[in-house]
Every structure is written in C-alpha cells, then in structure tokens.
C-alpha cells in the first residue's frame, strides 16, 4: 500500500541548514562629528501657508525662511536666508479687519502700516521718489489707471481671468537700483467673493512682508466694496522670501516669543 509523502515510512527527509558563521574582525571606530549649519545646502522651493490672520501668517513665514532658507549673498553686500516661492494665503471669506491686529501693532507702528496703505492706494508720487505702488496702480506710465480697469473688467464679467494690473515698468525698472517688489496683482470674482493674488519678485519676510500684506488686504477690501462683494482670499506669491543677516537674531526672538 502506497504511503503519502516520499521517503521511508511516508516521512519527508529534512535537510539540515549549516550554522551561520560569525565573522569577527577588528572593531571599527567611526568618529561622529556634529556640525552646525546656517541654512539648507540646496535651494528649497514651494511652501504654502494658509491663515486668516496677517500676524500669524507673518510668524509662520519667518519660521519657514529661518528653518528652510539657504544662506547666500544679496546685491546689497549683506548675507540673507532665502526661501523660494513661498505662497501665503489669507482666507477671510467676509470683510477683512479694517484695523491692524493688536499683535501686529507690537512690531509695526500704526502710522507705518497706514503709510504703506496710502502708498498703494493713492496715485500721487512725492517729490524725490522714483515711484510708488499707487502711481503704478493708478497712473502707470504705459497702462494708466489699472485699478479702475481691473474693477471694470470684473464688473463686466465675473468669469474673466484678465483682471490684471502690472506694476513693473520696463522703461524705468530694468536699470533701477530699487525696482518694485510687488510686480503683479490679479483679481477674481466668484460666488459673491472677491479674491486677489499678488506676485512679489522679492519680499523681506521679517521687516517688510506685513506692511505689504496689510496694504494688499486693504486694497482687496476696496475692490470688493466697488463690486458689491465680500473679500474671499488674499494671496501673496513671494518668489524670494528672505531675512537679512542683520535681522536673524530679531527673527529668532520673534519665533521664541510667538
């Protein structure tokens, strides 16, 4: 009678495995050296910050630049930490606050914030000043009153993607030592909300970003009011978000406190 399984008495024969050999040799001493670095060795690009508070967005942006920025020289002879393509979106979806946040006023005087709002919204250029954002927005040398055109474009069609204002002037800015940082502003009208995006070629994240952000929020409120809409989001795309070396200690103090 046949039995199941091969071998005698139906038992499978198991092959023994040789014991593992342990190789012993001289002990390796690998020195571990801990080094401090000032910034990332490669350029980091693409950080999204979504907030409803200008102040909290500022703190998060400074943290991103200080922790992810690469150290490099600037054209002003000073080192900087730079983060590429930082996108900050302020979501309001209702009326933005007309007054600066109390936390922001601890670092930026009300008068300085309001001066930047005036420079963005009014077309007058003070004597001795090469340009203002308000002049480029309301009396551009090539495009005229771009703010009025942006509003009328959106009033004519909420489906437009052409409500764009360009603050750069090729004739004046290519050779300038201090060209505009805010280069382009675009608006959108959807679902009863006006949303706005600004492209900044350069943004001093510690010392200047809140000034521009506050002014752009006020601009969004002005346009929304003209169109009978509420403010949706205000977004700033910062190609070069940076903190100059002179502000590194103050930036660290801000992050430690806030």
Protein backbone atom coordinates (compact mmCIF):
# COMPACT_ATOMS: atom_id res chain seq x y z
CA UNK A 1 0.00 0.00 0.00
CA UNK A 2 1.42 3.28 -1.04
CA UNK A 3 2.14 5.79 1.66
CA UNK A 4 1.77 9.54 1.36
CA UNK A 5 4.87 11.54 1.17
CA UNK A 6 8.25 10.46 -0.10
CA UNK A 7 10.93 8.61 1.81
CA UNK A 8 10.70 5.86 4.32
CA UNK A 9 7.52 5.39 6.23
CA UNK A 10 5.98 8.36 4.49
CA UNK A 11 8.26 10.74 6.33
CA UNK A 12 9.81 13.71 4.47
CA UNK A 13 13.51 13.99 4.92
CA UNK A 14 14.59 17.38 6.16
CA UNK A 15 17.86 18.77 5.13
CA UNK A 16 19.80 20.43 7.87
CA UNK A 17 20.94 24.05 7.39
CA UNK A 18 24.51 24.87 8.22
CA UNK A 19 25.00 27.17 11.19
CA UNK A 20 25.66 30.77 10.28
CA UNK A 21 29.28 31.74 10.51
CA UNK A 22 30.08 34.78 12.61
CA UNK A 23 32.93 36.77 11.19
CA UNK A 24 34.96 38.51 13.80
CA UNK A 25 37.42 41.21 13.00
CA UNK A 26 38.84 44.40 14.35
CA UNK A 27 36.33 46.79 15.87
CA UNK A 28 35.71 49.84 13.70
CA UNK A 29 35.80 53.21 15.36
CA UNK A 30 33.70 55.64 13.32
CA UNK A 31 34.01 59.20 14.60
CA UNK A 32 30.73 61.11 14.62
CA UNK A 33 31.12 64.83 14.12
CA UNK A 34 28.17 67.13 14.75
CA UNK A 35 28.26 70.29 12.67
CA UNK A 36 26.15 73.40 12.89
CA UNK A 37 24.83 74.74 9.61
CA UNK A 38 23.29 78.15 8.98
CA UNK A 39 20.93 77.07 6.22
CA UNK A 40 19.96 74.36 3.77
CA UNK A 41 22.69 73.47 1.25
CA UNK A 42 20.20 73.42 -1.63
CA UNK A 43 17.52 76.00 -2.50
CA UNK A 44 14.16 74.97 -1.03
CA UNK A 45 11.19 75.96 -3.19
CA UNK A 46 7.47 75.80 -2.53
CA UNK A 47 5.92 76.40 0.90
CA UNK A 48 2.20 77.04 1.46
CA UNK A 49 0.95 78.99 4.46
CA UNK A 50 -2.81 79.27 4.90
CA UNK A 51 -4.10 81.62 7.59
CA UNK A 52 -6.83 84.12 8.41
CA UNK A 53 -4.51 86.37 10.42
CA UNK A 54 -1.81 88.60 8.93
CA UNK A 55 0.17 88.39 12.16
CA UNK A 56 0.10 84.59 12.44
CA UNK A 57 0.91 84.25 8.74
CA UNK A 58 3.93 86.53 9.25
CA UNK A 59 5.26 84.43 12.12
CA UNK A 60 4.85 81.25 10.06
CA UNK A 61 6.59 82.82 7.06
CA UNK A 62 9.56 83.97 9.16
CA UNK A 63 9.77 80.48 10.67
CA UNK A 64 9.77 78.91 7.19
CA UNK A 65 12.56 81.19 5.94
CA UNK A 66 14.70 80.78 9.06
CA UNK A 67 14.37 76.99 9.11
CA UNK A 68 14.38 76.19 5.38
CA UNK A 69 16.22 79.11 3.82
CA UNK A 70 19.58 78.88 2.09
CA UNK A 71 22.30 81.35 3.06
CA UNK A 72 23.57 83.44 0.15
CA UNK A 73 24.81 86.97 -0.52
CA UNK A 74 22.47 89.74 -1.65
CA UNK A 75 23.07 92.56 -4.10
CA UNK A 76 23.36 94.90 -1.12
CA UNK A 77 26.53 93.26 0.19
CA UNK A 78 24.74 91.53 3.07
CA UNK A 79 24.02 87.86 3.61
CA UNK A 80 20.47 86.59 3.67
CA UNK A 81 18.47 83.44 4.24
CA UNK A 82 16.27 82.84 1.20
CA UNK A 83 13.28 80.59 0.57
CA UNK A 84 11.90 80.38 -2.96
CA UNK A 85 8.22 80.51 -3.92
CA UNK A 86 6.60 80.94 -0.54
CA UNK A 87 2.83 81.20 -1.01
CA UNK A 88 0.80 82.83 1.77
CA UNK A 89 -2.99 82.73 1.51
CA UNK A 90 -5.11 84.79 3.88
CA UNK A 91 -8.65 83.43 3.88
CA UNK A 92 -11.26 85.94 5.06
CA UNK A 93 -14.50 84.98 3.27
CA UNK A 94 -16.18 88.06 4.68
CA UNK A 95 -14.96 91.57 5.41
CA UNK A 96 -11.29 91.68 6.40
CA UNK A 97 -10.47 93.60 9.58
CA UNK A 98 -10.28 97.32 8.90
CA UNK A 99 -7.88 97.83 11.83
CA UNK A 100 -4.42 96.24 12.16
CA UNK A 101 -4.30 93.34 14.59
CA UNK A 102 -3.12 94.28 18.10
CA UNK A 103 -0.36 91.67 17.90
CA UNK A 104 0.93 93.23 14.68
CA UNK A 105 1.00 96.69 16.28
CA UNK A 106 3.52 95.43 18.83
CA UNK A 107 6.05 95.18 16.00
CA UNK A 108 4.88 97.72 13.40
CA UNK A 109 3.58 101.20 14.33
CA UNK A 110 0.13 102.06 13.07
CA UNK A 111 1.50 105.07 11.21
CA UNK A 112 3.95 102.93 9.25
CA UNK A 113 1.21 100.47 8.28
CA UNK A 114 -1.11 103.26 7.16
CA UNK A 115 1.69 104.95 5.20
CA UNK A 116 2.09 101.76 3.13
CA UNK A 117 -1.67 101.62 2.55
CA UNK A 118 -1.56 105.20 1.26
CA UNK A 119 1.41 104.42 -0.99
CA UNK A 120 -0.54 101.55 -2.55
CA UNK A 121 -3.90 103.24 -2.97
CA UNK A 122 -3.06 106.86 -3.89
CA UNK A 123 -1.58 107.83 -7.26
CA UNK A 124 0.41 110.85 -6.04
CA UNK A 125 4.20 110.49 -6.07
CA UNK A 126 6.12 112.57 -3.53
CA UNK A 127 8.94 114.72 -4.85
CA UNK A 128 12.27 112.90 -4.94
CA UNK A 129 10.66 109.44 -5.04
CA UNK A 130 11.22 107.36 -8.17
CA UNK A 131 7.85 105.59 -7.95
CA UNK A 132 5.07 104.47 -5.62
CA UNK A 133 2.84 101.43 -5.92
CA UNK A 134 -0.13 103.75 -6.04
CA UNK A 135 1.30 105.57 -9.04
CA UNK A 136 1.96 102.31 -10.86
CA UNK A 137 -1.51 101.05 -9.99
CA UNK A 138 -3.46 104.27 -10.67
CA UNK A 139 -1.24 106.19 -13.14
CA UNK A 140 1.09 103.68 -14.80
CA UNK A 141 3.27 105.35 -17.45
CA UNK A 142 2.09 102.86 -20.07
CA UNK A 143 -1.22 101.48 -18.76
CA UNK A 144 -2.84 104.40 -16.93
CA UNK A 145 -5.36 103.65 -14.17
CA UNK A 146 -5.04 99.89 -13.90
CA UNK A 147 -7.11 99.66 -10.72
CA UNK A 148 -10.13 101.17 -12.44
CA UNK A 149 -9.61 98.85 -15.41
CA UNK A 150 -9.37 95.82 -13.12
CA UNK A 151 -12.63 96.74 -11.39
CA UNK A 152 -14.45 97.39 -14.67
CA UNK A 153 -13.21 94.11 -16.15
CA UNK A 154 -14.64 92.18 -13.21
CA UNK A 155 -17.84 94.21 -13.23
CA UNK A 156 -18.32 93.39 -16.91
CA UNK A 157 -17.69 89.66 -16.46
CA UNK A 158 -17.21 87.65 -13.28
CA UNK A 159 -15.82 84.89 -15.49
CA UNK A 160 -12.84 86.93 -16.63
CA UNK A 161 -9.27 85.87 -15.98
CA UNK A 162 -7.94 89.15 -17.39
CA UNK A 163 -8.35 91.42 -14.36
CA UNK A 164 -4.61 92.00 -14.08
CA UNK A 165 -2.57 95.03 -13.05
CA UNK A 166 1.19 95.09 -13.76
CA UNK A 167 3.26 97.36 -11.55
CA UNK A 168 6.54 96.81 -13.39
CA UNK A 169 7.74 99.34 -15.97
CA UNK A 170 10.29 98.01 -18.45
CA UNK A 171 11.39 101.51 -19.35
CA UNK A 172 12.19 102.51 -15.76
CA UNK A 173 12.81 99.37 -13.73
CA UNK A 174 15.38 97.25 -15.58
CA UNK A 175 18.23 99.56 -14.64
CA UNK A 176 16.81 100.71 -11.31
CA UNK A 177 18.62 100.05 -8.02
CA UNK A 178 15.26 99.81 -6.24
CA UNK A 179 12.58 98.41 -8.58
CA UNK A 180 9.11 97.47 -7.28
CA UNK A 181 8.83 94.31 -5.19
CA UNK A 182 5.11 93.84 -5.93
CA UNK A 183 5.10 93.19 -9.67
CA UNK A 184 1.58 91.98 -10.47
CA UNK A 185 -1.91 91.94 -8.93
CA UNK A 186 -4.79 89.84 -10.25
CA UNK A 187 -8.40 89.69 -9.09
CA UNK A 188 -11.23 87.17 -9.32
CA UNK A 189 -14.97 87.35 -8.59
CA UNK A 190 -16.58 84.03 -7.70
CA UNK A 191 -19.60 83.12 -5.59
CA UNK A 192 -20.05 86.58 -4.13
CA UNK A 193 -16.39 86.88 -3.10
CA UNK A 194 -13.53 88.93 -4.46
CA UNK A 195 -10.17 87.12 -4.23
CA UNK A 196 -6.82 88.65 -5.04
CA UNK A 197 -3.31 87.38 -5.74
CA UNK A 198 -0.12 89.44 -5.81
CA UNK A 199 3.22 88.28 -7.20
CA UNK A 200 6.28 89.63 -5.40
CA UNK A 201 9.68 89.21 -7.03
CA UNK A 202 11.29 89.96 -3.65
CA UNK A 203 9.92 90.04 -0.10
CA UNK A 204 11.82 90.93 3.07
CA UNK A 205 9.92 88.41 5.17
CA UNK A 206 10.87 89.87 8.53
CA UNK A 207 10.88 93.63 8.03
CA UNK A 208 8.52 94.32 5.10
CA UNK A 209 6.11 91.45 4.41
CA UNK A 210 3.50 92.54 6.99
CA UNK A 211 3.48 96.08 5.57
CA UNK A 212 2.75 94.83 2.07
CA UNK A 213 0.26 92.24 3.32
CA UNK A 214 -1.73 94.81 5.32
CA UNK A 215 -1.86 97.17 2.34
CA UNK A 216 -2.91 94.41 -0.08
CA UNK A 217 -5.70 93.33 2.27
CA UNK A 218 -6.95 96.92 2.33
CA UNK A 219 -6.77 97.03 -1.48
CA UNK A 220 -8.84 93.84 -1.65
CA UNK A 221 -11.43 95.42 0.65
CA UNK A 222 -11.59 98.49 -1.60
CA UNK A 223 -12.10 96.46 -4.79
CA UNK A 224 -14.64 94.16 -3.13
CA UNK A 225 -16.60 97.22 -1.99
CA UNK A 226 -16.62 98.67 -5.51
CA UNK A 227 -18.03 95.39 -6.83
CA UNK A 228 -20.52 94.82 -4.01
CA UNK A 229 -18.71 91.64 -2.98
CA UNK A 230 -17.10 90.29 0.16
CA UNK A 231 -13.38 89.57 0.40
CA UNK A 232 -12.57 85.90 -0.13
CA UNK A 233 -8.81 85.29 -0.08
CA UNK A 234 -5.75 87.50 -0.40
CA UNK A 235 -2.71 85.57 -1.61
CA UNK A 236 0.92 86.63 -1.91
CA UNK A 237 3.32 84.59 -4.03
CA UNK A 238 6.84 85.50 -2.91
CA UNK A 239 9.49 84.31 -5.37
CA UNK A 240 12.29 85.30 -2.99
CA UNK A 241 11.20 85.37 0.65
CA UNK A 242 14.26 86.30 2.66
CA UNK A 243 15.57 87.54 6.01
CA UNK A 244 18.72 89.67 6.04
CA UNK A 245 21.52 88.69 8.41
CA UNK A 246 21.07 91.90 10.42
CA UNK A 247 17.59 90.62 11.38
CA UNK A 248 18.41 86.98 12.17
CA UNK A 249 18.60 87.48 15.94
CA UNK A 250 15.39 89.52 16.00
CA UNK A 251 13.68 86.87 13.87
CA UNK A 252 14.76 84.15 16.32
CA UNK A 253 13.47 86.27 19.20
CA UNK A 254 10.10 86.67 17.43
CA UNK A 255 9.81 82.92 16.94
CA UNK A 256 10.80 82.20 20.55
CA UNK A 257 8.20 84.64 21.85
CA UNK A 258 5.32 83.92 19.50
